[in-house]
Amino acid sequence: MTHGPSFVEQSPDLATELVADWRARAACSGYPNTLFFPTTDGADEVTIQKAKAICAVCPVMDDCLEYALETNQRSGIWGGTSEKERKSLRRKWLAERRRSA
């Protein structure tokens, strides 16, 4: 049995639209980027907690985190996770993907 092309191969424009769709619905869309992407390496805990509080009520938090893991976003707050948290999650996420492949 042969399988057709993957979703992205079938329609890269649709994949781009879907990413744009969840971003448009994100709770963070009206906030300054500096809240989620601090310009200093040692972002203070208060700023990180503010960003995470916005993520906590976001209707697309899971989509955001999935995107960050898939695209290996190494900076900023994505899907309610910090860079350090995402690094650990990504290792586990990659291991799970390898097991299920």
Protein backbone atom coordinates (compact mmCIF):
# COMPACT_ATOMS: atom_id res chain seq x y z
CA MET A 1 0.00 0.00 0.00
CA THR A 2 1.42 3.39 -0.92
CA HIS A 3 0.77 6.54 0.94
CA GLY A 4 0.24 9.92 -0.66
CA PRO A 5 2.40 12.94 0.05
CA SER A 6 2.40 14.39 3.54
CA PHE A 7 0.10 17.24 4.48
CA VAL A 8 2.82 19.85 4.00
CA GLU A 9 3.87 18.40 0.64
CA GLN A 10 0.28 18.52 -0.55
CA SER A 11 -0.31 22.12 0.35
CA PRO A 12 2.46 24.28 1.79
CA ASP A 13 0.22 27.32 1.47
CA LEU A 14 -2.43 25.65 3.62
CA ALA A 15 0.19 24.74 6.23
CA THR A 16 1.31 28.38 6.31
CA GLU A 17 -2.30 29.50 6.64
CA LEU A 18 -2.87 27.16 9.60
CA VAL A 19 0.19 28.52 11.40
CA ALA A 20 -0.95 32.07 10.71
CA ASP A 21 -4.43 31.15 11.95
CA TRP A 22 -3.35 30.03 15.41
CA ARG A 23 -1.00 32.99 15.71
CA ALA A 24 -3.85 35.37 14.93
CA ARG A 25 -5.91 33.81 17.74
CA ALA A 26 -3.04 33.85 20.26
CA ALA A 27 -3.57 35.76 23.49
CA CYS A 28 -0.13 37.35 23.09
CA SER A 29 -0.90 38.94 19.72
CA GLY A 30 -1.58 42.39 21.20
CA TYR A 31 1.41 42.51 23.52
CA PRO A 32 4.90 43.82 22.78
CA ASN A 33 7.37 41.20 21.55
CA THR A 34 9.81 42.21 24.27
CA LEU A 35 7.55 40.60 26.85
CA PHE A 36 7.95 37.19 25.20
CA PHE A 37 11.44 37.76 23.77
CA PRO A 38 13.40 39.68 26.41
CA THR A 39 16.47 41.42 24.98
CA THR A 40 18.74 40.36 27.84
CA ASP A 41 20.08 36.87 28.44
CA GLY A 42 18.99 36.96 32.07
CA ALA A 43 15.33 37.90 31.80
CA ASP A 44 13.93 38.66 35.20
CA GLU A 45 11.48 36.22 36.71
CA VAL A 46 8.69 38.82 36.88
CA THR A 47 8.77 39.31 33.08
CA ILE A 48 8.79 35.57 32.47
CA GLN A 49 5.85 35.06 34.82
CA LYS A 50 3.86 37.84 33.11
CA ALA A 51 4.39 36.18 29.73
CA LYS A 52 3.47 32.76 31.13
CA ALA A 53 0.30 34.18 32.71
CA ILE A 54 -0.83 35.37 29.28
CA CYS A 55 -0.01 31.96 27.82
CA ALA A 56 -1.99 30.23 30.56
CA VAL A 57 -5.26 31.69 29.28
CA CYS A 58 -4.40 31.40 25.60
CA PRO A 59 -6.78 29.31 23.47
CA VAL A 60 -3.92 28.14 21.23
CA MET A 61 -1.24 27.46 23.84
CA ASP A 62 -0.86 23.82 22.76
CA ASP A 63 -0.52 24.80 19.08
CA CYS A 64 2.11 27.37 20.02
CA LEU A 65 4.13 24.87 22.06
CA GLU A 66 3.89 22.26 19.31
CA TYR A 67 5.14 24.81 16.78
CA ALA A 68 8.03 25.78 19.06
CA LEU A 69 9.04 22.13 19.50
CA GLU A 70 8.73 21.31 15.81
CA THR A 71 10.74 24.33 14.71
CA ASN A 72 13.21 24.20 17.63
CA GLN A 73 12.53 27.71 18.88
CA ARG A 74 15.44 28.38 21.22
CA SER A 75 14.53 31.80 22.53
CA GLY A 76 11.51 33.41 24.08
CA ILE A 77 8.38 32.15 25.77
CA TRP A 78 6.35 29.77 23.59
CA GLY A 79 3.29 27.82 24.68
CA GLY A 80 3.81 28.80 28.29
CA THR A 81 7.37 27.47 28.43
CA SER A 82 10.72 29.13 28.91
CA GLU A 83 13.80 28.33 26.87
CA LYS A 84 15.13 26.01 29.56
CA GLU A 85 11.80 24.20 29.97
CA ARG A 86 11.41 23.78 26.22
CA LYS A 87 14.90 22.33 25.86
CA SER A 88 13.96 19.51 28.24
CA LEU A 89 10.53 19.05 26.66
CA ARG A 90 12.02 18.92 23.16
CA ARG A 91 14.36 16.08 24.09
CA LYS A 92 11.39 14.09 25.39
CA TRP A 93 9.24 15.11 22.41
CA LEU A 94 11.91 13.99 19.92
CA ALA A 95 12.38 10.68 21.73
CA GLU A 96 8.62 10.05 21.61
CA ARG A 97 8.48 10.86 17.91
CA ARG A 98 11.34 8.41 17.23
CA ARG A 99 9.56 5.68 19.20
CA SER A 100 6.29 6.19 17.35
CA ALA A 101 7.90 6.37 13.87
